[in-house]
Amino acid sequence: MNKKLGLWFCVIIMFAAVGYHFMAPQVQVNNLSDRNYQQINFTLPSSNVSFAPVHAHSRQTIYVKPSQSEGTITYELVADNGQKIAQGQITYHNTDDAFGQLGSRLTLTIDEQYRVSLNSNFGPNNGY
């Protein structure tokens, strides 16, 4: 009986850890274009995130640690030749606790016409 109880406890802990991982705030890049890029750099209020390289027709995700910092989120898109070809920013409004950020996502999309858009549901203002 004690072995079964211990096993169930371990299974519950594993599900909680995996669930938290997938609910953690994330930064996602969707490249719908037919071009490759050297990298995309994000500066978040409490960390930096880079995607390199960014292949044509790809999707990449990085999970980040919840933060209670406020500030500006910036990005820069770097072409294969090293030239910065796009940059932008949004204002990040934090929530009162780290758990309020669960499930939040910052998404940069490069569409088929090479237009860049940045969308976010971080913070109470939900956007840019």
N, C-alpha and C. Protein backbone atom coordinates (compact mmCIF):
# COMPACT_ATOMS: atom_id res chain seq x y z
N MET A 1 0.82 -1.20 0.00
CA MET A 1 0.00 0.00 0.00
C MET A 1 0.86 1.26 0.00
N ASN A 2 1.93 1.26 0.82
CA ASN A 2 2.81 2.43 0.87
C ASN A 2 3.53 2.65 -0.44
N LYS A 3 3.86 1.58 -1.17
CA LYS A 3 4.52 1.72 -2.46
C LYS A 3 3.59 2.37 -3.47
N LYS A 4 2.31 1.97 -3.47
CA LYS A 4 1.34 2.58 -4.39
C LYS A 4 1.12 4.04 -4.08
N LEU A 5 1.04 4.37 -2.80
CA LEU A 5 0.87 5.76 -2.39
C LEU A 5 2.07 6.60 -2.82
N GLY A 6 3.26 6.07 -2.63
CA GLY A 6 4.48 6.77 -3.05
C GLY A 6 4.54 6.95 -4.56
N LEU A 7 4.12 5.92 -5.30
CA LEU A 7 4.09 6.00 -6.75
C LEU A 7 3.10 7.07 -7.22
N TRP A 8 1.91 7.10 -6.63
CA TRP A 8 0.92 8.11 -7.00
C TRP A 8 1.42 9.52 -6.67
N PHE A 9 2.08 9.65 -5.55
CA PHE A 9 2.64 10.95 -5.18
C PHE A 9 3.66 11.40 -6.22
N CYS A 10 4.52 10.52 -6.66
CA CYS A 10 5.52 10.85 -7.70
C CYS A 10 4.85 11.21 -9.02
N VAL A 11 3.82 10.47 -9.39
CA VAL A 11 3.10 10.76 -10.64
C VAL A 11 2.44 12.14 -10.58
N ILE A 12 1.83 12.46 -9.46
CA ILE A 12 1.19 13.77 -9.30
C ILE A 12 2.22 14.89 -9.39
N ILE A 13 3.37 14.71 -8.76
CA ILE A 13 4.44 15.72 -8.82
C ILE A 13 4.93 15.89 -10.26
N MET A 14 5.09 14.79 -10.99
CA MET A 14 5.54 14.87 -12.39
C MET A 14 4.53 15.60 -13.26
N PHE A 15 3.24 15.30 -13.10
CA PHE A 15 2.22 15.99 -13.88
C PHE A 15 2.18 17.47 -13.56
N ALA A 16 2.34 17.81 -12.29
CA ALA A 16 2.36 19.21 -11.90
C ALA A 16 3.55 19.94 -12.52
N ALA A 17 4.71 19.31 -12.52
CA ALA A 17 5.91 19.94 -13.10
C ALA A 17 5.77 20.11 -14.61
N VAL A 18 5.29 19.09 -15.29
CA VAL A 18 5.10 19.18 -16.74
C VAL A 18 4.03 20.21 -17.06
N GLY A 19 2.94 20.21 -16.32
CA GLY A 19 1.89 21.20 -16.53
C GLY A 19 2.38 22.61 -16.33
N TYR A 20 3.15 22.84 -15.28
CA TYR A 20 3.70 24.18 -15.04
C TYR A 20 4.62 24.58 -16.18
N HIS A 21 5.43 23.66 -16.67
CA HIS A 21 6.34 23.98 -17.77
C HIS A 21 5.57 24.49 -18.98
N PHE A 22 4.50 23.81 -19.35
CA PHE A 22 3.75 24.22 -20.53
C PHE A 22 2.85 25.42 -20.29
N MET A 23 2.61 25.77 -19.04
CA MET A 23 1.83 26.97 -18.72
C MET A 23 2.74 28.17 -18.44
N ALA A 24 4.04 27.95 -18.37
CA ALA A 24 4.98 29.04 -18.09
C ALA A 24 4.92 30.06 -19.22
N PRO A 25 5.22 31.32 -18.93
CA PRO A 25 5.25 32.33 -19.99
C PRO A 25 6.19 31.90 -21.11
N GLN A 26 5.83 32.23 -22.33
CA GLN A 26 6.64 31.80 -23.46
C GLN A 26 6.80 32.90 -24.49
N VAL A 27 7.92 32.83 -25.20
CA VAL A 27 8.20 33.70 -26.33
C VAL A 27 8.22 32.79 -27.55
N GLN A 28 7.44 33.16 -28.57
CA GLN A 28 7.29 32.30 -29.74
C GLN A 28 7.59 33.10 -31.00
N VAL A 29 8.28 32.47 -31.96
CA VAL A 29 8.57 33.07 -33.26
C VAL A 29 7.96 32.18 -34.33
N ASN A 30 7.12 32.78 -35.18
CA ASN A 30 6.52 32.08 -36.31
C ASN A 30 7.04 32.72 -37.58
N ASN A 31 7.85 32.01 -38.34
CA ASN A 31 8.34 32.53 -39.62
C ASN A 31 7.56 31.85 -40.73
N LEU A 32 6.57 32.54 -41.26
CA LEU A 32 5.73 32.00 -42.32
C LEU A 32 6.30 32.29 -43.71
N SER A 33 7.38 33.07 -43.75
CA SER A 33 7.99 33.46 -45.02
C SER A 33 8.91 32.38 -45.55
N ASP A 34 9.42 32.62 -46.76
CA ASP A 34 10.36 31.67 -47.37
C ASP A 34 11.81 32.11 -47.20
N ARG A 35 12.08 33.01 -46.26
CA ARG A 35 13.44 33.48 -45.99
C ARG A 35 13.94 32.96 -44.65
N ASN A 36 15.24 32.71 -44.59
CA ASN A 36 15.92 32.38 -43.34
C ASN A 36 16.46 33.67 -42.73
N TYR A 37 16.56 33.71 -41.43
CA TYR A 37 17.12 34.86 -40.73
C TYR A 37 18.22 34.38 -39.79
N GLN A 38 19.21 35.26 -39.58
CA GLN A 38 20.32 34.91 -38.71
C GLN A 38 19.85 34.75 -37.27
N GLN A 39 19.06 35.72 -36.79
CA GLN A 39 18.56 35.63 -35.42
C GLN A 39 17.47 36.67 -35.16
N ILE A 40 16.74 36.43 -34.08
CA ILE A 40 15.79 37.39 -33.53
C ILE A 40 16.13 37.50 -32.05
N ASN A 41 16.35 38.72 -31.59
CA ASN A 41 16.72 38.98 -30.20
C ASN A 41 15.59 39.71 -29.50
N PHE A 42 15.24 39.25 -28.31
CA PHE A 42 14.25 39.91 -27.47
C PHE A 42 14.93 40.38 -26.20
N THR A 43 14.60 41.58 -25.75
CA THR A 43 15.02 42.06 -24.45
C THR A 43 13.76 42.21 -23.61
N LEU A 44 13.62 41.34 -22.63
CA LEU A 44 12.47 41.36 -21.72
C LEU A 44 12.86 42.16 -20.48
N PRO A 45 11.90 42.57 -19.66
CA PRO A 45 12.25 43.36 -18.47
C PRO A 45 13.26 42.69 -17.55
N SER A 46 13.29 41.35 -17.52
CA SER A 46 14.22 40.70 -16.59
C SER A 46 15.17 39.71 -17.26
N SER A 47 15.15 39.60 -18.59
CA SER A 47 16.05 38.65 -19.26
C SER A 47 16.15 38.97 -20.75
N ASN A 48 17.03 38.26 -21.41
CA ASN A 48 17.18 38.35 -22.86
C ASN A 48 16.93 36.97 -23.45
N VAL A 49 16.30 36.94 -24.63
CA VAL A 49 16.01 35.69 -25.32
C VAL A 49 16.42 35.86 -26.77
N SER A 50 17.12 34.86 -27.32
CA SER A 50 17.53 34.89 -28.72
C SER A 50 17.12 33.60 -29.42
N PHE A 51 16.67 33.75 -30.65
CA PHE A 51 16.38 32.62 -31.52
C PHE A 51 17.39 32.69 -32.66
N ALA A 52 18.19 31.66 -32.84
CA ALA A 52 19.19 31.68 -33.90
C ALA A 52 19.52 30.26 -34.31
N PRO A 53 19.50 29.96 -35.56
CA PRO A 53 18.94 30.70 -36.68
C PRO A 53 17.42 30.54 -36.72
N VAL A 54 16.78 31.35 -37.55
CA VAL A 54 15.34 31.25 -37.75
C VAL A 54 15.12 30.81 -39.19
N HIS A 55 14.72 29.57 -39.35
CA HIS A 55 14.55 28.99 -40.69
C HIS A 55 13.20 29.37 -41.28
N ALA A 56 13.13 29.35 -42.61
CA ALA A 56 11.89 29.61 -43.33
C ALA A 56 10.84 28.58 -42.91
N HIS A 57 9.60 29.05 -42.83
CA HIS A 57 8.46 28.18 -42.50
C HIS A 57 8.68 27.40 -41.21
N SER A 58 9.09 28.11 -40.17
CA SER A 58 9.36 27.43 -38.90
C SER A 58 8.63 28.11 -37.75
N ARG A 59 8.52 27.38 -36.65
CA ARG A 59 7.96 27.89 -35.40
C ARG A 59 8.89 27.46 -34.29
N GLN A 60 9.26 28.41 -33.43
CA GLN A 60 10.15 28.11 -32.31
C GLN A 60 9.57 28.74 -31.05
N THR A 61 9.75 28.07 -29.93
CA THR A 61 9.24 28.56 -28.65
C THR A 61 10.31 28.41 -27.58
N ILE A 62 10.43 29.44 -26.75
CA ILE A 62 11.28 29.40 -25.57
C ILE A 62 10.40 29.76 -24.38
N TYR A 63 10.46 28.91 -23.35
CA TYR A 63 9.72 29.17 -22.12
C TYR A 63 10.60 30.03 -21.21
N VAL A 64 10.00 31.06 -20.62
CA VAL A 64 10.77 31.99 -19.78
C VAL A 64 10.24 31.96 -18.35
N LYS A 65 11.07 32.41 -17.45
CA LYS A 65 10.70 32.47 -16.04
C LYS A 65 9.72 33.63 -15.82
N PRO A 66 8.65 33.42 -15.06
CA PRO A 66 7.75 34.53 -14.75
C PRO A 66 8.51 35.66 -14.06
N SER A 67 8.11 36.89 -14.35
CA SER A 67 8.79 38.05 -13.79
C SER A 67 7.76 39.04 -13.29
N GLN A 68 8.10 39.73 -12.22
CA GLN A 68 7.22 40.77 -11.72
C GLN A 68 7.74 42.14 -12.10
N SER A 69 8.70 42.21 -13.03
CA SER A 69 9.25 43.48 -13.46
C SER A 69 8.34 44.12 -14.50
N GLU A 70 8.30 45.43 -14.53
CA GLU A 70 7.59 46.17 -15.57
C GLU A 70 8.62 46.77 -16.49
N GLY A 71 8.20 47.11 -17.68
CA GLY A 71 9.12 47.77 -18.58
C GLY A 71 8.74 47.58 -20.03
N THR A 72 9.75 47.62 -20.87
CA THR A 72 9.55 47.53 -22.30
C THR A 72 10.16 46.22 -22.81
N ILE A 73 9.43 45.58 -23.70
CA ILE A 73 9.96 44.41 -24.39
C ILE A 73 10.35 44.88 -25.78
N THR A 74 11.61 44.67 -26.16
CA THR A 74 12.07 45.07 -27.49
C THR A 74 12.49 43.83 -28.27
N TYR A 75 12.49 43.98 -29.59
CA TYR A 75 12.98 42.91 -30.45
C TYR A 75 13.76 43.51 -31.60
N GLU A 76 14.66 42.71 -32.16
CA GLU A 76 15.34 43.07 -33.40
C GLU A 76 15.51 41.82 -34.24
N LEU A 77 15.23 41.96 -35.53
CA LEU A 77 15.33 40.88 -36.49
C LEU A 77 16.58 41.11 -37.32
N VAL A 78 17.45 40.10 -37.38
CA VAL A 78 18.73 40.22 -38.08
C VAL A 78 18.72 39.28 -39.29
N ALA A 79 19.01 39.85 -40.47
CA ALA A 79 19.05 39.08 -41.72
C ALA A 79 20.28 38.18 -41.75
N ASP A 80 20.31 37.29 -42.73
CA ASP A 80 21.45 36.38 -42.89
C ASP A 80 22.77 37.12 -43.08
N ASN A 81 22.72 38.34 -43.65
CA ASN A 81 23.95 39.09 -43.88
C ASN A 81 24.38 39.91 -42.65
N GLY A 82 23.65 39.80 -41.54
CA GLY A 82 24.00 40.49 -40.30
C GLY A 82 23.35 41.85 -40.13
N GLN A 83 22.61 42.30 -41.12
CA GLN A 83 21.95 43.62 -41.06
C GLN A 83 20.65 43.53 -40.26
N LYS A 84 20.44 44.51 -39.36
CA LYS A 84 19.17 44.59 -38.63
C LYS A 84 18.11 45.10 -39.60
N ILE A 85 17.07 44.30 -39.80
CA ILE A 85 16.07 44.68 -40.79
C ILE A 85 14.72 45.05 -40.17
N ALA A 86 14.53 44.77 -38.91
CA ALA A 86 13.29 45.16 -38.24
C ALA A 86 13.55 45.25 -36.75
N GLN A 87 12.87 46.17 -36.11
CA GLN A 87 12.93 46.28 -34.66
C GLN A 87 11.66 46.93 -34.17
N GLY A 88 11.33 46.68 -32.92
CA GLY A 88 10.12 47.24 -32.35
C GLY A 88 10.07 47.00 -30.86
N GLN A 89 8.97 47.43 -30.26
CA GLN A 89 8.84 47.28 -28.81
C GLN A 89 7.38 47.33 -28.40
N ILE A 90 7.10 46.78 -27.24
CA ILE A 90 5.81 46.91 -26.60
C ILE A 90 6.06 47.17 -25.12
N THR A 91 5.09 47.77 -24.47
CA THR A 91 5.19 48.01 -23.03
C THR A 91 4.62 46.81 -22.30
N TYR A 92 5.36 46.37 -21.29
CA TYR A 92 4.95 45.22 -20.50
C TYR A 92 4.43 45.72 -19.17
N HIS A 93 3.20 45.36 -18.84
CA HIS A 93 2.59 45.70 -17.55
C HIS A 93 2.48 44.42 -16.74
N ASN A 94 3.17 44.39 -15.62
CA ASN A 94 3.21 43.15 -14.86
C ASN A 94 1.92 42.91 -14.08
N THR A 95 1.78 41.68 -13.66
CA THR A 95 0.69 41.32 -12.75
C THR A 95 1.27 41.32 -11.35
N ASP A 96 0.41 41.26 -10.36
CA ASP A 96 0.87 41.33 -8.98
C ASP A 96 1.63 40.09 -8.52
N ASP A 97 1.41 38.96 -9.18
CA ASP A 97 2.14 37.76 -8.78
C ASP A 97 2.58 36.98 -10.02
N ALA A 98 3.56 36.14 -9.84
CA ALA A 98 4.10 35.37 -10.95
C ALA A 98 3.07 34.39 -11.51
N PHE A 99 2.17 33.89 -10.68
CA PHE A 99 1.17 32.94 -11.16
C PHE A 99 0.18 33.60 -12.11
N GLY A 100 0.02 34.92 -12.05
CA GLY A 100 -0.85 35.63 -12.97
C GLY A 100 -0.34 35.60 -14.39
N GLN A 101 0.92 35.25 -14.58
CA GLN A 101 1.51 35.20 -15.91
C GLN A 101 1.41 33.81 -16.56
N LEU A 102 0.91 32.84 -15.83
CA LEU A 102 0.81 31.49 -16.40
C LEU A 102 -0.04 31.52 -17.66
N GLY A 103 0.46 30.88 -18.69
CA GLY A 103 -0.25 30.82 -19.96
C GLY A 103 -0.04 32.03 -20.85
N SER A 104 0.76 33.01 -20.42
CA SER A 104 0.97 34.20 -21.24
C SER A 104 1.98 33.91 -22.35
N ARG A 105 1.84 34.65 -23.46
CA ARG A 105 2.66 34.40 -24.64
C ARG A 105 2.96 35.70 -25.37
N LEU A 106 4.21 35.82 -25.79
CA LEU A 106 4.66 36.90 -26.65
C LEU A 106 4.98 36.25 -27.99
N THR A 107 4.31 36.68 -29.07
CA THR A 107 4.47 36.04 -30.37
C THR A 107 4.92 37.04 -31.41
N LEU A 108 6.04 36.75 -32.06
CA LEU A 108 6.50 37.53 -33.20
C LEU A 108 6.24 36.69 -34.44
N THR A 109 5.54 37.28 -35.42
CA THR A 109 5.21 36.56 -36.65
C THR A 109 5.77 37.32 -37.84
N ILE A 110 6.43 36.59 -38.72
CA ILE A 110 6.88 37.12 -40.01
C ILE A 110 5.97 36.47 -41.04
N ASP A 111 5.13 37.28 -41.72
CA ASP A 111 4.18 36.68 -42.65
C ASP A 111 4.80 36.45 -44.03
N GLU A 112 3.99 35.96 -44.95
CA GLU A 112 4.47 35.60 -46.29
C GLU A 112 5.01 36.79 -47.07
N GLN A 113 4.55 38.01 -46.75
CA GLN A 113 5.02 39.23 -47.40
C GLN A 113 6.14 39.90 -46.59
N TYR A 114 6.72 39.19 -45.64
CA TYR A 114 7.86 39.62 -44.82
C TYR A 114 7.51 40.76 -43.85
N ARG A 115 6.23 40.92 -43.55
CA ARG A 115 5.81 41.90 -42.54
C ARG A 115 5.95 41.26 -41.17
N VAL A 116 6.39 42.07 -40.21
CA VAL A 116 6.62 41.58 -38.85
C VAL A 116 5.53 42.13 -37.94
N SER A 117 4.92 41.26 -37.15
CA SER A 117 3.95 41.70 -36.15
C SER A 117 4.31 41.09 -34.81
N LEU A 118 4.02 41.83 -33.76
CA LEU A 118 4.32 41.40 -32.40
C LEU A 118 3.04 41.48 -31.60
N ASN A 119 2.63 40.36 -31.03
CA ASN A 119 1.43 40.30 -30.22
C ASN A 119 1.76 39.71 -28.86
N SER A 120 1.01 40.16 -27.85
CA SER A 120 1.28 39.69 -26.50
C SER A 120 -0.01 39.66 -25.69
N ASN A 121 -0.09 38.69 -24.80
CA ASN A 121 -1.14 38.72 -23.78
C ASN A 121 -0.49 38.80 -22.41
N PHE A 122 0.75 39.32 -22.35
CA PHE A 122 1.44 39.55 -21.07
C PHE A 122 0.78 40.74 -20.40
N GLY A 123 0.52 40.65 -19.14
CA GLY A 123 0.04 41.79 -18.37
C GLY A 123 -1.42 42.12 -18.61
N PRO A 124 -1.97 43.04 -17.81
CA PRO A 124 -3.39 43.35 -17.84
C PRO A 124 -3.85 44.08 -19.09
N ASN A 125 -2.97 44.76 -19.83
CA ASN A 125 -3.39 45.49 -21.01
C ASN A 125 -3.46 44.62 -22.25
N ASN A 126 -2.92 43.40 -22.17
CA ASN A 126 -3.03 42.40 -23.23
C ASN A 126 -2.73 42.94 -24.62
N GLY A 127 -1.58 43.47 -24.82
CA GLY A 127 -1.26 43.87 -26.18
C GLY A 127 -0.19 44.91 -26.25
N TYR A 128 -0.12 45.52 -27.41
CA TYR A 128 0.93 46.49 -27.66
C TYR A 128 0.37 47.81 -28.11
